[in-house]
């Protein structure tokens, strides 16, 4: 990663939703860091592989288990 390129990390909330966040920025409330910092494109690629179901966890549970 070059000195000019910004470093990003993947963050995830309690609904299993993912986003990327600048590594130097304060963690948004209700989110946690997942994995190691990387380039923006690398983080987006990871999210594409890991986050297959875009529905929030609570909706998935309701639809699958009626809970």
Protein backbone atom coordinates (compact mmCIF):
# COMPACT_ATOMS: atom_id res chain seq x y z
CA UNK A 1 0.00 0.00 0.00
CA UNK A 2 1.47 3.39 -0.92
CA UNK A 3 1.86 6.26 1.52
CA UNK A 4 -0.79 8.19 -0.41
CA UNK A 5 -3.44 5.44 -0.36
CA UNK A 6 -5.74 5.53 2.66
CA UNK A 7 -6.17 2.50 4.89
CA UNK A 8 -9.65 1.06 5.46
CA UNK A 9 -11.09 -1.59 7.73
CA UNK A 10 -14.29 -3.58 7.61
CA UNK A 11 -16.77 -2.83 10.37
CA UNK A 12 -19.82 -4.94 11.25
CA UNK A 13 -22.86 -4.19 13.40
CA UNK A 14 -25.02 -6.49 15.52
CA UNK A 15 -27.28 -7.09 12.50
CA UNK A 16 -24.28 -8.63 10.63
CA UNK A 17 -24.25 -5.71 8.18
CA UNK A 18 -20.81 -4.72 6.89
CA UNK A 19 -19.24 -1.49 5.74
CA UNK A 20 -15.78 -0.07 5.22
CA UNK A 21 -14.42 2.67 7.46
CA UNK A 22 -11.24 4.70 7.42
CA UNK A 23 -8.86 2.98 9.82
CA UNK A 24 -7.83 6.26 11.44
CA UNK A 25 -11.45 7.32 12.08
CA UNK A 26 -13.28 6.64 15.32
CA UNK A 27 -15.29 3.42 15.27
CA UNK A 28 -18.95 4.25 14.62
CA UNK A 29 -21.30 3.55 17.54
CA UNK A 30 -22.69 0.01 17.43
CA UNK A 31 -20.04 -1.29 15.01
CA UNK A 32 -16.92 -3.42 15.55
CA UNK A 33 -13.75 -3.86 13.50
CA UNK A 34 -13.46 -7.09 11.50
CA UNK A 35 -10.12 -8.19 10.05
CA UNK A 36 -6.98 -6.25 9.26
CA UNK A 37 -6.70 -2.80 7.63
CA UNK A 38 -6.25 -2.85 3.86
CA UNK A 39 -6.92 -0.80 0.75
CA UNK A 40 -10.47 0.24 -0.06
CA UNK A 41 -10.69 -2.21 -2.96
CA UNK A 42 -9.37 -5.10 -0.86
CA UNK A 43 -11.94 -4.40 1.87
CA UNK A 44 -14.76 -4.21 -0.67
CA UNK A 45 -13.62 -7.53 -2.19
CA UNK A 46 -13.67 -9.13 1.29
CA UNK A 47 -17.16 -7.82 1.93
CA UNK A 48 -18.27 -9.22 -1.41
CA UNK A 49 -17.05 -12.67 -0.38
CA UNK A 50 -18.21 -12.60 3.25
CA UNK A 51 -21.52 -10.74 3.18
CA UNK A 52 -23.64 -12.93 0.95
CA UNK A 53 -27.04 -12.14 2.47
CA UNK A 54 -27.72 -8.41 2.66
CA UNK A 55 -30.74 -8.79 4.94
CA UNK A 56 -30.25 -7.72 8.58
CA UNK A 57 -29.83 -10.66 10.98
CA UNK A 58 -33.13 -9.90 12.71
CA UNK A 59 -35.02 -10.11 9.40
CA UNK A 60 -33.26 -13.36 8.43
CA UNK A 61 -34.19 -14.89 11.80
CA UNK A 62 -37.81 -13.77 11.50
CA UNK A 63 -38.14 -15.14 7.97
CA UNK A 64 -36.37 -18.43 8.72
CA UNK A 65 -37.55 -19.20 12.27
CA UNK A 66 -40.49 -16.88 12.90
CA UNK A 67 -38.55 -15.40 15.82
